[in-house]
Amino acid sequence: MSKRNPIILIHGLWNTADIFSSITTKLDEIGIEYFAPTLKHKYGMTSIVELTNFLNEFILEKYGLEKELDILGFSMGGIIGRYWIKKFDGYKRTRRFITVGSPHKGTLTSQLVPKYPFRGISEMKINSCLLRELSSYDYLLDRINCISFFTYWDLMVFPGWRSYMNKGEKVSLNIFKHKNLVRNPLAVERIVNRLLK
């Protein structure tokens, strides 16, 4: 088993941890430890804040308070991971933070979704209170190796350039479907290669 940091895999809305099956197959082959809990989004009705609380409980149970981790978040999972880094002092123990197709700057797709009952979706609106709060804490990412994978052809995070953080490297993938960002073999290979660096 590799001595690399365990990787926390955080899935997005309308997904389960199974969305990472192509990535976890590769990680199993290499022998890298990962943890992929399934969070209950309730069709977007659960707030990102509450989902982050659930994630923290899973992490504490599995790894305690201090173990150094890498985080990979897909779609809304990247926002949950970013909020965890801020809210639970995750910046002190996160070495690498990779997001894939995450609406860091909001997405037009969620603009017309009402806050009630779809609080989680509404928190991904452009200029939402939650995203503004996260932006004000961008300095917490300074000591973390951040990488944003995105596609300009994304119809879930639209326009696609809203999928990258202000910090770290930005990697464009020529992928035409949101879920394929973590399923397409070439995309998976590039993401896993970054996890291994």
Protein backbone atom coordinates (compact mmCIF):
# COMPACT_ATOMS: atom_id res chain seq x y z
CA MET A 1 0.00 0.00 0.00
CA SER A 2 1.28 3.46 -0.94
CA LYS A 3 2.32 5.86 1.79
CA ARG A 4 0.60 8.71 -0.05
CA ASN A 5 -2.16 10.67 1.65
CA PRO A 6 -5.60 9.08 1.59
CA ILE A 7 -7.83 10.75 -0.99
CA ILE A 8 -11.30 11.92 0.02
CA LEU A 9 -13.63 11.66 -2.99
CA ILE A 10 -16.70 13.91 -2.76
CA HIS A 11 -19.46 13.33 -5.31
CA GLY A 12 -21.93 15.86 -6.66
CA LEU A 13 -25.66 16.40 -6.91
CA TRP A 14 -27.79 13.50 -8.20
CA ASN A 15 -24.77 11.18 -7.85
CA THR A 16 -23.45 8.70 -5.32
CA ALA A 17 -19.88 7.68 -4.67
CA ASP A 18 -20.30 5.25 -7.61
CA ILE A 19 -19.70 8.18 -9.98
CA PHE A 20 -16.00 7.72 -9.17
CA SER A 21 -15.86 4.04 -10.21
CA SER A 22 -13.48 4.72 -13.12
CA ILE A 23 -11.14 6.67 -10.84
CA THR A 24 -11.31 4.24 -7.92
CA THR A 25 -10.53 1.34 -10.26
CA LYS A 26 -7.29 3.10 -11.16
CA LEU A 27 -6.52 3.91 -7.53
CA ASP A 28 -7.10 0.27 -6.57
CA GLU A 29 -4.67 -0.84 -9.29
CA ILE A 30 -2.01 1.54 -8.01
CA GLY A 31 -2.68 0.80 -4.34
CA ILE A 32 -3.65 4.27 -3.13
CA GLU A 33 -6.06 4.59 -0.23
CA TYR A 34 -9.25 6.55 -0.80
CA PHE A 35 -12.50 7.21 1.03
CA ALA A 36 -15.67 7.94 -0.92
CA PRO A 37 -18.70 8.47 1.34
CA THR A 38 -22.15 8.93 -0.16
CA LEU A 39 -23.86 12.14 0.93
CA LYS A 40 -27.64 12.53 0.87
CA HIS A 41 -28.38 15.60 -1.22
CA LYS A 42 -32.15 15.01 -1.31
CA TYR A 43 -32.40 16.25 -4.90
CA GLY A 44 -30.66 19.49 -4.00
CA MET A 45 -32.78 20.28 -0.95
CA THR A 46 -29.94 19.69 1.54
CA SER A 47 -27.75 22.76 1.96
CA ILE A 48 -24.05 22.63 1.19
CA VAL A 49 -23.40 23.70 4.78
CA GLU A 50 -25.28 20.65 6.11
CA LEU A 51 -23.62 18.34 3.60
CA THR A 52 -20.25 19.65 4.78
CA ASN A 53 -21.20 18.79 8.35
CA PHE A 54 -22.00 15.23 7.26
CA LEU A 55 -18.70 15.01 5.38
CA ASN A 56 -16.79 16.16 8.44
CA GLU A 57 -18.44 13.47 10.58
CA PHE A 58 -17.38 10.83 8.05
CA ILE A 59 -13.81 12.16 7.97
CA LEU A 60 -13.53 12.33 11.76
CA GLU A 61 -14.80 8.78 12.12
CA LYS A 62 -12.40 7.47 9.49
CA TYR A 63 -9.26 9.58 10.02
CA GLY A 64 -9.61 11.63 13.19
CA LEU A 65 -8.62 15.27 13.50
CA GLU A 66 -5.06 15.45 12.22
CA LYS A 67 -4.27 12.98 9.43
CA GLU A 68 -3.09 14.75 6.27
CA LEU A 69 -5.45 14.27 3.34
CA ASP A 70 -5.90 14.95 -0.35
CA ILE A 71 -9.36 15.96 -1.56
CA LEU A 72 -11.00 15.44 -4.93
CA GLY A 73 -14.47 16.91 -5.44
CA PHE A 74 -16.70 16.48 -8.47
CA SER A 75 -19.32 19.11 -9.32
CA MET A 76 -21.06 20.23 -6.08
CA GLY A 77 -18.58 17.96 -4.27
CA GLY A 78 -15.83 20.47 -5.01
CA ILE A 79 -17.81 23.21 -3.27
CA ILE A 80 -18.47 20.92 -0.30
CA GLY A 81 -14.74 20.16 -0.12
CA ARG A 82 -13.87 23.84 -0.32
CA TYR A 83 -16.33 24.67 2.45
CA TRP A 84 -14.90 21.84 4.60
CA ILE A 85 -11.40 23.29 4.13
CA LYS A 86 -12.70 26.60 5.46
CA LYS A 87 -15.21 25.59 8.12
CA PHE A 88 -13.36 22.73 9.79
CA ASP A 89 -9.78 24.02 9.44
CA GLY A 90 -9.22 21.53 6.65
CA TYR A 91 -6.60 23.86 5.20
CA LYS A 92 -4.30 22.73 8.02
CA ARG A 93 -4.36 19.10 6.89
CA THR A 94 -5.11 19.23 3.14
CA ARG A 95 -2.09 18.87 0.90
CA ARG A 96 -3.82 18.69 -2.49
CA PHE A 97 -7.29 19.94 -3.46
CA ILE A 98 -8.56 18.93 -6.89
CA THR A 99 -11.98 19.92 -8.19
CA VAL A 100 -13.61 18.65 -11.36
CA GLY A 101 -16.45 20.60 -12.96
CA SER A 102 -17.27 22.45 -9.73
CA PRO A 103 -19.24 25.75 -9.90
CA HIS A 104 -16.76 27.86 -7.92
CA LYS A 105 -18.12 31.02 -9.52
CA GLY A 106 -21.71 29.79 -9.68
CA THR A 107 -23.64 28.47 -12.66
CA LEU A 108 -26.42 29.90 -14.80
CA THR A 109 -28.05 26.45 -14.64
CA SER A 110 -29.15 27.07 -11.05
CA GLN A 111 -30.25 30.71 -11.43
CA LEU A 112 -33.98 30.03 -11.77
CA VAL A 113 -34.13 27.35 -9.08
CA PRO A 114 -36.01 28.61 -5.99
CA LYS A 115 -34.18 28.77 -2.67
CA TYR A 116 -37.01 26.85 -1.06
CA PRO A 117 -37.03 23.91 -1.09
CA PHE A 118 -33.83 23.55 -3.18
CA ARG A 119 -31.38 25.24 -0.87
CA GLY A 120 -28.36 23.22 -1.99
CA ILE A 121 -28.90 24.07 -5.65
CA SER A 122 -29.59 27.73 -4.88
CA GLU A 123 -26.24 27.98 -3.06
CA MET A 124 -24.59 27.39 -6.45
CA LYS A 125 -26.21 30.46 -8.01
CA ILE A 126 -23.92 33.13 -9.37
CA ASN A 127 -23.01 35.52 -6.55
CA SER A 128 -24.73 33.40 -3.88
CA CYS A 129 -24.01 34.23 -0.23
CA LEU A 130 -22.16 30.93 0.23
CA LEU A 131 -19.92 31.39 -2.82
CA ARG A 132 -19.15 34.98 -1.81
CA GLU A 133 -18.23 33.73 1.67
CA LEU A 134 -15.88 31.12 0.21
CA SER A 135 -14.22 33.70 -2.04
CA SER A 136 -13.47 35.87 0.98
CA TYR A 137 -11.51 32.95 2.44
CA ASP A 138 -9.49 32.17 -0.69
CA TYR A 139 -6.28 32.93 1.24
CA LEU A 140 -6.78 29.62 3.09
CA LEU A 141 -5.95 27.85 -0.18
CA ASP A 142 -2.52 29.49 -0.45
CA ARG A 143 -0.72 26.61 1.24
CA ILE A 144 -2.63 23.92 -0.67
CA ASN A 145 -1.81 22.55 -4.12
CA CYS A 146 -5.06 23.43 -5.93
CA ILE A 147 -6.05 22.18 -9.39
CA SER A 148 -9.33 22.90 -11.18
CA PHE A 149 -10.36 20.57 -14.02
CA PHE A 150 -13.14 21.90 -16.21
CA THR A 151 -14.59 21.85 -19.72
CA TYR A 152 -15.81 24.78 -21.76
CA TRP A 153 -18.56 22.45 -23.04
CA ASP A 154 -20.16 21.91 -19.63
CA LEU A 155 -23.93 22.47 -19.59
CA MET A 156 -24.28 21.87 -15.83
CA VAL A 157 -21.68 24.43 -14.83
CA PHE A 158 -22.37 27.06 -17.44
CA PRO A 159 -20.44 28.83 -18.78
CA GLY A 160 -17.61 26.37 -18.28
CA TRP A 161 -15.02 28.92 -17.14
CA ARG A 162 -17.01 29.32 -13.90
CA SER A 163 -15.61 25.92 -12.88
CA TYR A 164 -12.18 26.98 -11.75
CA MET A 165 -10.83 28.43 -8.53
CA ASN A 166 -8.92 31.68 -8.37
CA LYS A 167 -6.05 29.74 -6.80
CA GLY A 168 -3.90 27.08 -8.37
CA GLU A 169 -3.71 25.46 -11.77
CA LYS A 170 -6.58 25.40 -14.27
CA VAL A 171 -6.81 22.40 -16.61
CA SER A 172 -9.28 22.39 -19.51
CA LEU A 173 -10.57 19.00 -20.68
CA ASN A 174 -12.12 18.53 -24.12
CA ILE A 175 -15.17 16.68 -22.74
CA PHE A 176 -18.76 17.16 -23.86
CA LYS A 177 -20.82 15.85 -20.96
CA HIS A 178 -20.62 16.85 -17.29
CA LYS A 179 -20.48 13.31 -15.87
CA ASN A 180 -17.84 12.33 -18.41
CA LEU A 181 -15.40 14.59 -16.62
CA VAL A 182 -14.92 11.70 -14.18
CA ARG A 183 -15.80 8.86 -16.57
CA ASN A 184 -14.03 9.53 -19.85
CA PRO A 185 -10.83 7.41 -19.93
CA LEU A 186 -8.59 10.29 -21.05
CA ALA A 187 -10.02 12.61 -18.40
CA VAL A 188 -9.63 9.95 -15.70
CA GLU A 189 -6.03 9.36 -16.73
CA ARG A 190 -5.17 13.06 -16.47
CA ILE A 191 -6.89 13.42 -13.09
CA VAL A 192 -5.23 10.33 -11.63
CA ASN A 193 -1.84 11.45 -12.93
CA ARG A 194 -2.26 14.72 -11.02
CA LEU A 195 -3.19 12.79 -7.89
CA LEU A 196 0.05 10.83 -8.20
CA LYS A 197 2.35 13.85 -8.60
